[in-house]
Amino acid sequence: MTDQAPLRTLPELNKPAPDFDAPTTHGQMKLSDFKGKWLVLFSHPADFTPVCTTEFIAFAQAKPEFDRLNCELLGLSIDSHYAHIAWMRNIQEKFGVEIPFPIIADLSMDVAKAYGMIQPGASDTSAVRATFVIDPDGVLRAMVYYPMTNGRSVAEFVRLVEALQTSDANKVATPEAWKPGDQVIVPPPATAELAKSRAGEGYDYVDWYFSKRAL
């Protein structure tokens, strides 16, 4: 009988995000500390690495945009909080950018494992570039994984949070590359009878399943 590798589970969309109670550069923090706010939790492979440095600078510079959306930022890597503090100080000294958000020190890898940030195909000891969007009720709404070699677009996560908030507030979907001011997608009718009448409902109509409207 051959040994089988342990099953690795990922968190599920539209389910409660995995809870945590972890040390950070702003002190001990729990997921419940962010209740009532949106949260972007993002992991990086290691402190003092060039791609991660560019991402942290971009997240720091975009913080006013996330603040506008009632969204907090929380970083994570499998490094100590002392390494995080030293790296933050180095970024401020060398790049002139202050890192204003907390970073989880996950030496135990408990948070990384709970969120599926450890990908054996990439690394067993470092978190890949994983990003999770969690809503004010603690529900996981989106998750995106990137390889070690390629940095994320922080602007996309600003856009994604705003798109999710727009969908929640208006019961609509958003098309590819949607941004505020663009038309949104009206949910398609659920019955054949409603599909017949969709063309006359005043939307920007293409077909019964594809109609847009302005907000």
N, C-alpha and C. Protein backbone atom coordinates (compact mmCIF):
# COMPACT_ATOMS: atom_id res chain seq x y z
N MET A 1 0.85 -1.20 0.00
CA MET A 1 0.00 0.00 0.00
C MET A 1 0.88 1.25 0.00
N THR A 2 0.66 2.14 -0.94
CA THR A 2 1.49 3.33 -1.04
C THR A 2 0.96 4.43 -0.14
N ASP A 3 1.88 5.24 0.36
CA ASP A 3 1.47 6.38 1.17
C ASP A 3 0.85 7.44 0.27
N GLN A 4 -0.20 8.05 0.75
CA GLN A 4 -0.85 9.11 0.00
C GLN A 4 -0.56 10.45 0.66
N ALA A 5 -0.33 11.44 -0.17
CA ALA A 5 -0.10 12.78 0.37
C ALA A 5 -1.38 13.29 1.01
N PRO A 6 -1.28 14.07 2.09
CA PRO A 6 -2.48 14.60 2.74
C PRO A 6 -3.23 15.52 1.79
N LEU A 7 -4.55 15.46 1.89
CA LEU A 7 -5.38 16.32 1.07
C LEU A 7 -5.20 17.77 1.49
N ARG A 8 -5.09 18.66 0.52
CA ARG A 8 -4.96 20.09 0.79
C ARG A 8 -6.25 20.75 0.35
N THR A 9 -6.86 21.46 1.25
CA THR A 9 -8.11 22.11 0.94
C THR A 9 -7.91 23.61 0.77
N LEU A 10 -8.71 24.18 -0.10
CA LEU A 10 -8.69 25.62 -0.30
C LEU A 10 -9.95 26.21 0.32
N PRO A 11 -9.88 27.45 0.74
CA PRO A 11 -11.11 28.11 1.21
C PRO A 11 -12.10 28.20 0.06
N GLU A 12 -13.37 28.37 0.39
CA GLU A 12 -14.42 28.37 -0.63
C GLU A 12 -15.04 29.76 -0.77
N LEU A 13 -15.31 30.13 -2.01
CA LEU A 13 -15.98 31.39 -2.27
C LEU A 13 -17.38 31.39 -1.68
N ASN A 14 -17.79 32.55 -1.20
CA ASN A 14 -19.11 32.76 -0.61
C ASN A 14 -19.36 31.92 0.64
N LYS A 15 -18.26 31.50 1.29
CA LYS A 15 -18.30 30.85 2.59
C LYS A 15 -17.46 31.68 3.56
N PRO A 16 -17.66 31.51 4.87
CA PRO A 16 -16.84 32.27 5.81
C PRO A 16 -15.35 32.07 5.56
N ALA A 17 -14.60 33.15 5.53
CA ALA A 17 -13.15 33.06 5.36
C ALA A 17 -12.54 32.39 6.58
N PRO A 18 -11.46 31.63 6.41
CA PRO A 18 -10.81 31.01 7.57
C PRO A 18 -10.42 32.04 8.63
N ASP A 19 -10.74 31.73 9.86
CA ASP A 19 -10.41 32.63 10.97
C ASP A 19 -8.91 32.55 11.25
N PHE A 20 -8.39 33.56 11.89
CA PHE A 20 -6.99 33.55 12.30
C PHE A 20 -6.83 34.43 13.52
N ASP A 21 -5.79 34.17 14.28
CA ASP A 21 -5.38 34.99 15.42
C ASP A 21 -3.86 34.99 15.36
N ALA A 22 -3.28 36.05 14.81
CA ALA A 22 -1.87 35.99 14.43
C ALA A 22 -1.14 37.27 14.83
N PRO A 23 0.17 37.15 15.08
CA PRO A 23 0.97 38.35 15.34
C PRO A 23 1.20 39.13 14.06
N THR A 24 1.14 40.45 14.15
CA THR A 24 1.40 41.31 12.99
C THR A 24 2.29 42.45 13.42
N THR A 25 2.68 43.26 12.46
CA THR A 25 3.49 44.44 12.76
C THR A 25 2.69 45.50 13.50
N HIS A 26 1.36 45.33 13.61
CA HIS A 26 0.51 46.24 14.38
C HIS A 26 -0.05 45.54 15.62
N GLY A 27 0.61 44.45 16.05
CA GLY A 27 0.12 43.70 17.20
C GLY A 27 -0.70 42.49 16.79
N GLN A 28 -1.20 41.78 17.80
CA GLN A 28 -2.00 40.58 17.53
C GLN A 28 -3.31 40.96 16.84
N MET A 29 -3.69 40.22 15.80
CA MET A 29 -4.91 40.53 15.06
C MET A 29 -5.70 39.26 14.74
N LYS A 30 -7.03 39.44 14.71
CA LYS A 30 -7.95 38.38 14.33
C LYS A 30 -8.76 38.83 13.12
N LEU A 31 -9.34 37.86 12.43
CA LEU A 31 -10.20 38.22 11.32
C LEU A 31 -11.36 39.09 11.80
N SER A 32 -11.87 38.81 12.99
CA SER A 32 -13.01 39.57 13.51
C SER A 32 -12.69 41.05 13.73
N ASP A 33 -11.40 41.40 13.82
CA ASP A 33 -11.02 42.80 13.96
C ASP A 33 -11.44 43.64 12.76
N PHE A 34 -11.68 42.97 11.64
CA PHE A 34 -12.03 43.67 10.40
C PHE A 34 -13.53 43.62 10.10
N LYS A 35 -14.31 43.11 11.02
CA LYS A 35 -15.75 43.02 10.80
C LYS A 35 -16.33 44.41 10.53
N GLY A 36 -17.21 44.48 9.54
CA GLY A 36 -17.79 45.76 9.16
C GLY A 36 -17.02 46.48 8.07
N LYS A 37 -15.87 45.91 7.69
CA LYS A 37 -15.07 46.49 6.61
C LYS A 37 -14.71 45.40 5.61
N TRP A 38 -14.44 45.81 4.39
CA TRP A 38 -13.87 44.91 3.41
C TRP A 38 -12.40 44.72 3.76
N LEU A 39 -11.85 43.58 3.35
CA LEU A 39 -10.46 43.28 3.64
C LEU A 39 -9.81 42.63 2.42
N VAL A 40 -8.64 43.13 2.04
CA VAL A 40 -7.80 42.45 1.06
C VAL A 40 -6.61 41.86 1.81
N LEU A 41 -6.59 40.54 1.91
CA LEU A 41 -5.50 39.80 2.56
C LEU A 41 -4.61 39.24 1.45
N PHE A 42 -3.33 39.58 1.49
CA PHE A 42 -2.46 39.14 0.40
C PHE A 42 -1.15 38.60 0.96
N SER A 43 -0.68 37.53 0.37
CA SER A 43 0.57 36.91 0.80
C SER A 43 1.68 37.18 -0.20
N HIS A 44 2.91 37.13 0.29
CA HIS A 44 4.07 37.27 -0.58
C HIS A 44 5.11 36.24 -0.16
N PRO A 45 5.98 35.81 -1.08
CA PRO A 45 6.93 34.73 -0.76
C PRO A 45 7.91 35.05 0.35
N ALA A 46 8.47 36.26 0.38
CA ALA A 46 9.49 36.56 1.39
C ALA A 46 9.77 38.04 1.45
N ASP A 47 10.18 38.50 2.63
CA ASP A 47 10.64 39.88 2.79
C ASP A 47 11.97 40.07 2.05
N PHE A 48 12.29 41.32 1.78
CA PHE A 48 13.55 41.69 1.14
C PHE A 48 13.74 40.98 -0.22
N THR A 49 12.64 40.86 -0.97
CA THR A 49 12.73 40.33 -2.32
C THR A 49 12.18 41.40 -3.28
N PRO A 50 12.71 41.48 -4.50
CA PRO A 50 12.40 42.63 -5.35
C PRO A 50 10.96 42.70 -5.84
N VAL A 51 10.39 41.58 -6.30
CA VAL A 51 9.02 41.64 -6.80
C VAL A 51 8.05 42.00 -5.67
N CYS A 52 8.25 41.40 -4.51
CA CYS A 52 7.39 41.69 -3.35
C CYS A 52 7.51 43.16 -2.95
N THR A 53 8.71 43.71 -3.05
CA THR A 53 8.91 45.11 -2.71
C THR A 53 8.07 46.01 -3.61
N THR A 54 8.06 45.71 -4.91
CA THR A 54 7.25 46.53 -5.83
C THR A 54 5.77 46.42 -5.50
N GLU A 55 5.32 45.24 -5.09
CA GLU A 55 3.91 45.07 -4.76
C GLU A 55 3.55 45.84 -3.49
N PHE A 56 4.41 45.77 -2.49
CA PHE A 56 4.11 46.46 -1.24
C PHE A 56 4.09 47.97 -1.44
N ILE A 57 4.99 48.47 -2.27
CA ILE A 57 4.97 49.89 -2.58
C ILE A 57 3.65 50.26 -3.27
N ALA A 58 3.22 49.42 -4.20
CA ALA A 58 1.98 49.70 -4.93
C ALA A 58 0.76 49.63 -4.01
N PHE A 59 0.71 48.65 -3.11
CA PHE A 59 -0.40 48.57 -2.16
C PHE A 59 -0.40 49.81 -1.25
N ALA A 60 0.78 50.21 -0.78
CA ALA A 60 0.87 51.39 0.09
C ALA A 60 0.39 52.64 -0.64
N GLN A 61 0.79 52.80 -1.89
CA GLN A 61 0.39 53.99 -2.65
C GLN A 61 -1.10 53.98 -2.98
N ALA A 62 -1.69 52.79 -3.06
CA ALA A 62 -3.12 52.68 -3.38
C ALA A 62 -4.00 52.70 -2.13
N LYS A 63 -3.41 52.80 -0.95
CA LYS A 63 -4.22 52.72 0.27
C LYS A 63 -5.33 53.76 0.31
N PRO A 64 -5.13 55.01 -0.14
CA PRO A 64 -6.26 55.95 -0.13
C PRO A 64 -7.45 55.47 -0.96
N GLU A 65 -7.19 54.75 -2.05
CA GLU A 65 -8.28 54.20 -2.86
C GLU A 65 -9.01 53.11 -2.10
N PHE A 66 -8.26 52.25 -1.40
CA PHE A 66 -8.91 51.21 -0.59
C PHE A 66 -9.67 51.84 0.57
N ASP A 67 -9.11 52.88 1.18
CA ASP A 67 -9.81 53.57 2.27
C ASP A 67 -11.15 54.11 1.79
N ARG A 68 -11.16 54.66 0.59
CA ARG A 68 -12.40 55.19 0.01
C ARG A 68 -13.47 54.11 -0.11
N LEU A 69 -13.04 52.88 -0.27
CA LEU A 69 -13.96 51.75 -0.43
C LEU A 69 -14.23 51.03 0.90
N ASN A 70 -13.82 51.65 2.02
CA ASN A 70 -13.99 51.02 3.33
C ASN A 70 -13.31 49.65 3.36
N CYS A 71 -12.12 49.59 2.81
CA CYS A 71 -11.39 48.32 2.65
C CYS A 71 -10.02 48.42 3.31
N GLU A 72 -9.73 47.47 4.18
CA GLU A 72 -8.43 47.40 4.85
C GLU A 72 -7.48 46.49 4.07
N LEU A 73 -6.20 46.66 4.29
CA LEU A 73 -5.16 45.83 3.68
C LEU A 73 -4.43 45.07 4.77
N LEU A 74 -4.06 43.82 4.47
CA LEU A 74 -3.34 42.99 5.43
C LEU A 74 -2.40 42.08 4.65
N GLY A 75 -1.09 42.26 4.84
CA GLY A 75 -0.11 41.42 4.18
C GLY A 75 0.24 40.20 5.01
N LEU A 76 0.97 39.27 4.41
CA LEU A 76 1.41 38.06 5.10
C LEU A 76 2.61 37.46 4.39
N SER A 77 3.58 36.99 5.15
CA SER A 77 4.59 36.07 4.62
C SER A 77 5.08 35.21 5.78
N ILE A 78 5.81 34.17 5.40
CA ILE A 78 6.31 33.24 6.41
C ILE A 78 7.67 33.75 6.90
N ASP A 79 7.62 34.92 7.51
CA ASP A 79 8.78 35.57 8.11
C ASP A 79 8.36 36.08 9.49
N SER A 80 9.34 36.46 10.30
CA SER A 80 9.04 36.99 11.62
C SER A 80 8.60 38.44 11.53
N HIS A 81 7.95 38.93 12.59
CA HIS A 81 7.57 40.34 12.58
C HIS A 81 8.80 41.24 12.66
N TYR A 82 9.92 40.72 13.18
CA TYR A 82 11.15 41.51 13.18
C TYR A 82 11.66 41.71 11.75
N ALA A 83 11.58 40.64 10.94
CA ALA A 83 11.98 40.76 9.53
C ALA A 83 11.05 41.73 8.81
N HIS A 84 9.74 41.63 9.12
CA HIS A 84 8.78 42.56 8.49
C HIS A 84 9.12 44.01 8.82
N ILE A 85 9.39 44.26 10.10
CA ILE A 85 9.69 45.63 10.52
C ILE A 85 10.95 46.15 9.83
N ALA A 86 11.98 45.29 9.77
CA ALA A 86 13.22 45.70 9.12
C ALA A 86 12.99 46.00 7.64
N TRP A 87 12.16 45.18 6.99
CA TRP A 87 11.87 45.38 5.56
C TRP A 87 11.07 46.66 5.34
N MET A 88 10.07 46.89 6.20
CA MET A 88 9.28 48.11 6.10
C MET A 88 10.18 49.35 6.24
N ARG A 89 11.10 49.30 7.20
CA ARG A 89 12.00 50.43 7.42
C ARG A 89 12.93 50.62 6.20
N ASN A 90 13.35 49.49 5.60
CA ASN A 90 14.20 49.56 4.42
C ASN A 90 13.46 50.17 3.23
N ILE A 91 12.19 49.80 3.05
CA ILE A 91 11.40 50.37 1.96
C ILE A 91 11.25 51.88 2.14
N GLN A 92 11.04 52.29 3.38
CA GLN A 92 10.90 53.73 3.63
C GLN A 92 12.22 54.46 3.37
N GLU A 93 13.32 53.83 3.77
CA GLU A 93 14.63 54.47 3.60
C GLU A 93 15.06 54.51 2.13
N LYS A 94 14.89 53.39 1.41
CA LYS A 94 15.42 53.28 0.06
C LYS A 94 14.45 53.80 -1.01
N PHE A 95 13.14 53.69 -0.75
CA PHE A 95 12.16 54.06 -1.77
C PHE A 95 11.28 55.25 -1.36
N GLY A 96 11.41 55.68 -0.12
CA GLY A 96 10.63 56.82 0.35
C GLY A 96 9.15 56.53 0.51
N VAL A 97 8.80 55.26 0.74
CA VAL A 97 7.40 54.87 0.87
C VAL A 97 7.18 54.21 2.23
N GLU A 98 6.23 54.74 2.99
CA GLU A 98 5.88 54.15 4.28
C GLU A 98 4.82 53.08 4.07
N ILE A 99 5.01 51.92 4.68
CA ILE A 99 4.02 50.84 4.60
C ILE A 99 3.04 51.04 5.74
N PRO A 100 1.78 51.43 5.46
CA PRO A 100 0.85 51.83 6.51
C PRO A 100 -0.05 50.70 7.03
N PHE A 101 0.03 49.54 6.43
CA PHE A 101 -0.87 48.45 6.81
C PHE A 101 -0.10 47.35 7.54
N PRO A 102 -0.79 46.53 8.33
CA PRO A 102 -0.10 45.46 9.07
C PRO A 102 0.31 44.31 8.18
N ILE A 103 1.31 43.57 8.64
CA ILE A 103 1.78 42.36 7.96
C ILE A 103 1.79 41.22 8.97
N ILE A 104 1.12 40.12 8.63
CA ILE A 104 1.11 38.95 9.51
C ILE A 104 2.46 38.25 9.47
N ALA A 105 2.98 37.91 10.64
CA ALA A 105 4.18 37.08 10.77
C ALA A 105 3.71 35.63 10.95
N ASP A 106 3.85 34.82 9.93
CA ASP A 106 3.23 33.48 9.92
C ASP A 106 4.29 32.39 9.94
N LEU A 107 5.20 32.44 10.91
CA LEU A 107 6.26 31.44 10.98
C LEU A 107 5.70 30.03 11.15
N SER A 108 4.55 29.91 11.82
CA SER A 108 3.93 28.60 12.01
C SER A 108 3.27 28.08 10.73
N MET A 109 3.06 28.95 9.77
CA MET A 109 2.37 28.67 8.50
C MET A 109 0.90 28.32 8.71
N ASP A 110 0.35 28.58 9.88
CA ASP A 110 -1.05 28.23 10.14
C ASP A 110 -2.01 29.01 9.24
N VAL A 111 -1.80 30.30 9.12
CA VAL A 111 -2.69 31.11 8.28
C VAL A 111 -2.48 30.75 6.81
N ALA A 112 -1.23 30.61 6.40
CA ALA A 112 -0.93 30.27 5.01
C ALA A 112 -1.58 28.95 4.61
N LYS A 113 -1.53 27.97 5.49
CA LYS A 113 -2.14 26.67 5.17
C LYS A 113 -3.66 26.77 5.14
N ALA A 114 -4.23 27.53 6.06
CA ALA A 114 -5.69 27.66 6.10
C ALA A 114 -6.23 28.30 4.83
N TYR A 115 -5.45 29.20 4.24
CA TYR A 115 -5.88 29.90 3.03
C TYR A 115 -5.32 29.29 1.75
N GLY A 116 -4.65 28.16 1.85
CA GLY A 116 -4.11 27.52 0.65
C GLY A 116 -3.01 28.31 0.00
N MET A 117 -2.25 29.08 0.78
CA MET A 117 -1.18 29.91 0.23
C MET A 117 0.08 29.11 -0.07
N ILE A 118 0.19 27.89 0.49
CA ILE A 118 1.34 27.04 0.23
C ILE A 118 1.00 26.13 -0.94
N GLN A 119 1.72 26.28 -2.03
CA GLN A 119 1.48 25.50 -3.23
C GLN A 119 2.70 24.61 -3.49
N PRO A 120 2.58 23.29 -3.28
CA PRO A 120 3.76 22.41 -3.40
C PRO A 120 4.45 22.48 -4.75
N GLY A 121 3.69 22.79 -5.80
CA GLY A 121 4.32 22.91 -7.11
C GLY A 121 5.22 24.11 -7.22
N ALA A 122 5.07 25.07 -6.31
CA ALA A 122 5.89 26.28 -6.33
C ALA A 122 6.86 26.32 -5.16
N SER A 123 6.36 26.01 -3.96
CA SER A 123 7.23 26.03 -2.79
C SER A 123 6.50 25.39 -1.61
N ASP A 124 7.24 24.64 -0.80
CA ASP A 124 6.67 24.07 0.42
C ASP A 124 6.96 24.93 1.64
N THR A 125 7.76 25.98 1.48
CA THR A 125 8.17 26.78 2.63
C THR A 125 7.85 28.26 2.50
N SER A 126 7.36 28.68 1.35
CA SER A 126 6.99 30.08 1.14
C SER A 126 5.57 30.16 0.62
N ALA A 127 4.91 31.25 0.96
CA ALA A 127 3.57 31.49 0.44
C ALA A 127 3.68 32.06 -0.98
N VAL A 128 2.84 31.56 -1.88
CA VAL A 128 2.79 32.15 -3.21
C VAL A 128 2.07 33.49 -3.13
N ARG A 129 1.95 34.18 -4.28
CA ARG A 129 1.26 35.48 -4.31
C ARG A 129 -0.25 35.24 -4.39
N ALA A 130 -0.85 35.03 -3.23
CA ALA A 130 -2.29 34.80 -3.16
C ALA A 130 -2.97 36.04 -2.61
N THR A 131 -4.16 36.33 -3.14
CA THR A 131 -4.90 37.51 -2.71
C THR A 131 -6.35 37.12 -2.47
N PHE A 132 -6.89 37.56 -1.33
CA PHE A 132 -8.25 37.20 -0.93
C PHE A 132 -9.03 38.48 -0.61
N VAL A 133 -10.23 38.56 -1.16
CA VAL A 133 -11.13 39.68 -0.86
C VAL A 133 -12.22 39.15 0.05
N ILE A 134 -12.33 39.75 1.23
CA ILE A 134 -13.27 39.31 2.26
C ILE A 134 -14.23 40.45 2.55
N ASP A 135 -15.52 40.16 2.61
CA ASP A 135 -16.50 41.23 2.78
C ASP A 135 -16.72 41.58 4.25
N PRO A 136 -17.53 42.60 4.54
CA PRO A 136 -17.69 43.05 5.94
C PRO A 136 -18.30 42.01 6.87
N ASP A 137 -18.91 40.96 6.31
CA ASP A 137 -19.46 39.88 7.14
C ASP A 137 -18.49 38.72 7.30
N GLY A 138 -17.25 38.89 6.82
CA GLY A 138 -16.26 37.83 6.95
C GLY A 138 -16.39 36.73 5.92
N VAL A 139 -17.10 37.00 4.83
CA VAL A 139 -17.30 36.00 3.77
C VAL A 139 -16.27 36.21 2.67
N LEU A 140 -15.67 35.12 2.24
CA LEU A 140 -14.67 35.17 1.17
C LEU A 140 -15.37 35.37 -0.17
N ARG A 141 -15.06 36.46 -0.85
CA ARG A 141 -15.75 36.81 -2.09
C ARG A 141 -14.90 36.59 -3.34
N ALA A 142 -13.58 36.61 -3.21
CA ALA A 142 -12.72 36.41 -4.37
C ALA A 142 -11.36 35.94 -3.89
N MET A 143 -10.70 35.13 -4.72
CA MET A 143 -9.32 34.73 -4.43
C MET A 143 -8.58 34.55 -5.75
N VAL A 144 -7.34 35.04 -5.76
CA VAL A 144 -6.52 35.04 -6.96
C VAL A 144 -5.12 34.60 -6.58
N TYR A 145 -4.55 33.68 -7.36
CA TYR A 145 -3.20 33.19 -7.12
C TYR A 145 -2.28 33.57 -8.28
N TYR A 146 -1.08 34.03 -7.93
CA TYR A 146 -0.07 34.39 -8.91
C TYR A 146 1.19 33.56 -8.66
N PRO A 147 1.99 33.35 -9.68
CA PRO A 147 3.26 32.64 -9.48
C PRO A 147 4.28 33.51 -8.76
N MET A 148 5.33 32.86 -8.29
CA MET A 148 6.39 33.57 -7.57
C MET A 148 7.04 34.65 -8.42
N THR A 149 7.13 34.42 -9.72
CA THR A 149 7.95 35.26 -10.58
C THR A 149 7.28 36.54 -11.04
N ASN A 150 5.95 36.65 -10.88
CA ASN A 150 5.23 37.75 -11.51
C ASN A 150 4.38 38.52 -10.51
N GLY A 151 4.56 39.83 -10.52
CA GLY A 151 3.84 40.68 -9.58
C GLY A 151 2.39 40.90 -9.99
N ARG A 152 1.57 41.18 -8.99
CA ARG A 152 0.15 41.45 -9.21
C ARG A 152 -0.07 42.89 -9.67
N SER A 153 -1.25 43.13 -10.25
CA SER A 153 -1.69 44.50 -10.53
C SER A 153 -2.57 44.95 -9.37
N VAL A 154 -2.07 45.85 -8.56
CA VAL A 154 -2.84 46.33 -7.41
C VAL A 154 -4.08 47.08 -7.87
N ALA A 155 -3.99 47.79 -8.98
CA ALA A 155 -5.15 48.50 -9.51
C ALA A 155 -6.31 47.55 -9.79
N GLU A 156 -6.01 46.33 -10.17
CA GLU A 156 -7.08 45.35 -10.43
C GLU A 156 -7.84 45.02 -9.15
N PHE A 157 -7.16 44.99 -8.01
CA PHE A 157 -7.86 44.66 -6.78
C PHE A 157 -8.70 45.83 -6.28
N VAL A 158 -8.27 47.06 -6.55
CA VAL A 158 -9.14 48.21 -6.28
C VAL A 158 -10.40 48.08 -7.13
N ARG A 159 -10.21 47.79 -8.43
CA ARG A 159 -11.33 47.65 -9.34
C ARG A 159 -12.26 46.53 -8.91
N LEU A 160 -11.69 45.40 -8.49
CA LEU A 160 -12.49 44.25 -8.11
C LEU A 160 -13.34 44.53 -6.87
N VAL A 161 -12.75 45.16 -5.85
CA VAL A 161 -13.51 45.50 -4.65
C VAL A 161 -14.67 46.42 -5.02
N GLU A 162 -14.41 47.42 -5.85
CA GLU A 162 -15.47 48.35 -6.23
C GLU A 162 -16.55 47.65 -7.06
N ALA A 163 -16.15 46.71 -7.91
CA ALA A 163 -17.12 45.96 -8.70
C ALA A 163 -17.99 45.08 -7.80
N LEU A 164 -17.39 44.42 -6.82
CA LEU A 164 -18.16 43.60 -5.88
C LEU A 164 -19.16 44.45 -5.10
N GLN A 165 -18.72 45.60 -4.64
CA GLN A 165 -19.62 46.48 -3.89
C GLN A 165 -20.76 46.96 -4.78
N THR A 166 -20.47 47.24 -6.04
CA THR A 166 -21.50 47.68 -6.97
C THR A 166 -22.51 46.57 -7.23
N SER A 167 -22.02 45.34 -7.39
CA SER A 167 -22.92 44.21 -7.60
C SER A 167 -23.82 43.99 -6.38
N ASP A 168 -23.25 44.08 -5.20
CA ASP A 168 -24.04 43.88 -3.98
C ASP A 168 -25.11 44.96 -3.83
N ALA A 169 -24.75 46.20 -4.11
CA ALA A 169 -25.67 47.31 -3.88
C ALA A 169 -26.79 47.37 -4.91
N ASN A 170 -26.53 46.88 -6.12
CA ASN A 170 -27.49 47.07 -7.21
C ASN A 170 -28.04 45.76 -7.79
N LYS A 171 -27.60 44.61 -7.25
CA LYS A 171 -28.07 43.30 -7.73
C LYS A 171 -27.83 43.14 -9.22
N VAL A 172 -26.62 43.48 -9.64
CA VAL A 172 -26.24 43.38 -11.04
C VAL A 172 -24.88 42.68 -11.13
N ALA A 173 -24.48 42.36 -12.37
CA ALA A 173 -23.14 41.86 -12.63
C ALA A 173 -22.36 42.95 -13.36
N THR A 174 -21.05 42.78 -13.44
CA THR A 174 -20.24 43.77 -14.15
C THR A 174 -19.46 43.06 -15.26
N PRO A 175 -19.34 43.69 -16.43
CA PRO A 175 -18.63 43.06 -17.54
C PRO A 175 -17.12 43.14 -17.38
N GLU A 176 -16.43 42.54 -18.31
CA GLU A 176 -14.97 42.55 -18.35
C GLU A 176 -14.47 44.00 -18.26
N ALA A 177 -13.48 44.21 -17.39
CA ALA A 177 -12.81 45.50 -17.24
C ALA A 177 -13.75 46.61 -16.81
N TRP A 178 -14.88 46.28 -16.21
CA TRP A 178 -15.82 47.31 -15.76
C TRP A 178 -15.14 48.29 -14.82
N LYS A 179 -15.54 49.55 -14.94
CA LYS A 179 -15.10 50.58 -14.00
C LYS A 179 -16.28 51.51 -13.73
N PRO A 180 -16.25 52.26 -12.63
CA PRO A 180 -17.37 53.14 -12.30
C PRO A 180 -17.72 54.07 -13.47
N GLY A 181 -19.02 54.16 -13.74
CA GLY A 181 -19.50 54.96 -14.87
C GLY A 181 -19.88 54.11 -16.06
N ASP A 182 -19.32 52.90 -16.15
CA ASP A 182 -19.69 51.99 -17.23
C ASP A 182 -21.06 51.37 -16.96
N GLN A 183 -21.68 50.88 -18.02
CA GLN A 183 -22.93 50.15 -17.85
C GLN A 183 -22.69 48.83 -17.11
N VAL A 184 -23.72 48.35 -16.46
CA VAL A 184 -23.67 47.06 -15.76
C VAL A 184 -24.58 46.07 -16.47
N ILE A 185 -24.43 44.80 -16.17
CA ILE A 185 -25.20 43.73 -16.80
C ILE A 185 -26.42 43.40 -15.94
N VAL A 186 -27.59 43.40 -16.58
CA VAL A 186 -28.83 43.07 -15.89
C VAL A 186 -28.94 41.55 -15.80
N PRO A 187 -29.31 41.01 -14.64
CA PRO A 187 -29.46 39.55 -14.55
C PRO A 187 -30.44 39.04 -15.59
N PRO A 188 -30.14 37.94 -16.26
CA PRO A 188 -31.05 37.42 -17.28
C PRO A 188 -32.35 36.93 -16.66
N PRO A 189 -33.45 36.97 -17.42
CA PRO A 189 -34.73 36.50 -16.90
C PRO A 189 -34.68 35.00 -16.60
N ALA A 190 -35.45 34.60 -15.60
CA ALA A 190 -35.37 33.22 -15.14
C ALA A 190 -36.44 32.32 -15.73
N THR A 191 -37.38 32.88 -16.48
CA THR A 191 -38.43 32.06 -17.09
C THR A 191 -38.56 32.41 -18.57
N ALA A 192 -39.15 31.48 -19.33
CA ALA A 192 -39.36 31.72 -20.76
C ALA A 192 -40.30 32.90 -20.98
N GLU A 193 -41.29 33.05 -20.13
CA GLU A 193 -42.24 34.15 -20.27
C GLU A 193 -41.55 35.50 -20.08
N LEU A 194 -40.70 35.60 -19.06
CA LEU A 194 -39.97 36.84 -18.83
C LEU A 194 -38.97 37.11 -19.94
N ALA A 195 -38.39 36.05 -20.52
CA ALA A 195 -37.45 36.24 -21.63
C ALA A 195 -38.13 36.89 -22.82
N LYS A 196 -39.42 36.56 -23.05
CA LYS A 196 -40.15 37.15 -24.18
C LYS A 196 -40.30 38.66 -24.03
N SER A 197 -40.45 39.11 -22.79
CA SER A 197 -40.72 40.54 -22.56
C SER A 197 -39.46 41.37 -22.33
N ARG A 198 -38.30 40.74 -22.25
CA ARG A 198 -37.08 41.46 -21.91
C ARG A 198 -36.80 42.58 -22.92
N ALA A 199 -37.06 42.38 -24.20
CA ALA A 199 -36.72 43.37 -25.21
C ALA A 199 -37.44 44.70 -25.00
N GLY A 200 -38.60 44.67 -24.36
CA GLY A 200 -39.37 45.89 -24.17
C GLY A 200 -39.24 46.52 -22.81
N GLU A 201 -38.25 46.12 -22.04
CA GLU A 201 -38.12 46.61 -20.67
C GLU A 201 -37.25 47.85 -20.54
N GLY A 202 -36.74 48.37 -21.65
CA GLY A 202 -36.01 49.63 -21.61
C GLY A 202 -34.52 49.52 -21.38
N TYR A 203 -33.99 48.33 -21.40
CA TYR A 203 -32.56 48.16 -21.22
C TYR A 203 -31.82 48.34 -22.55
N ASP A 204 -30.51 48.45 -22.49
CA ASP A 204 -29.67 48.38 -23.67
C ASP A 204 -29.63 46.90 -24.07
N TYR A 205 -30.51 46.54 -24.98
CA TYR A 205 -30.85 45.13 -25.24
C TYR A 205 -30.07 44.59 -26.43
N VAL A 206 -29.44 43.43 -26.24
CA VAL A 206 -28.82 42.69 -27.34
C VAL A 206 -29.58 41.40 -27.59
N ASP A 207 -29.87 40.67 -26.53
CA ASP A 207 -30.67 39.46 -26.61
C ASP A 207 -31.28 39.23 -25.23
N TRP A 208 -32.16 38.27 -25.14
CA TRP A 208 -32.89 38.08 -23.87
C TRP A 208 -31.95 37.84 -22.70
N TYR A 209 -30.80 37.22 -22.95
CA TYR A 209 -29.87 36.90 -21.85
C TYR A 209 -28.80 37.98 -21.66
N PHE A 210 -28.74 38.96 -22.57
CA PHE A 210 -27.65 39.95 -22.53
C PHE A 210 -28.22 41.34 -22.69
N SER A 211 -28.38 42.01 -21.55
CA SER A 211 -28.86 43.39 -21.54
C SER A 211 -28.04 44.17 -20.52
N LYS A 212 -27.80 45.46 -20.84
CA LYS A 212 -27.06 46.34 -19.94
C LYS A 212 -27.91 47.54 -19.56
N ARG A 213 -27.48 48.21 -18.51
CA ARG A 213 -28.11 49.47 -18.13
C ARG A 213 -27.10 50.35 -17.42
N ALA A 214 -27.38 51.64 -17.41
CA ALA A 214 -26.57 52.56 -16.63
C ALA A 214 -27.03 52.54 -15.18
N LEU A 215 -26.14 52.88 -14.27
CA LEU A 215 -26.52 53.00 -12.86
C LEU A 215 -26.96 54.43 -12.56
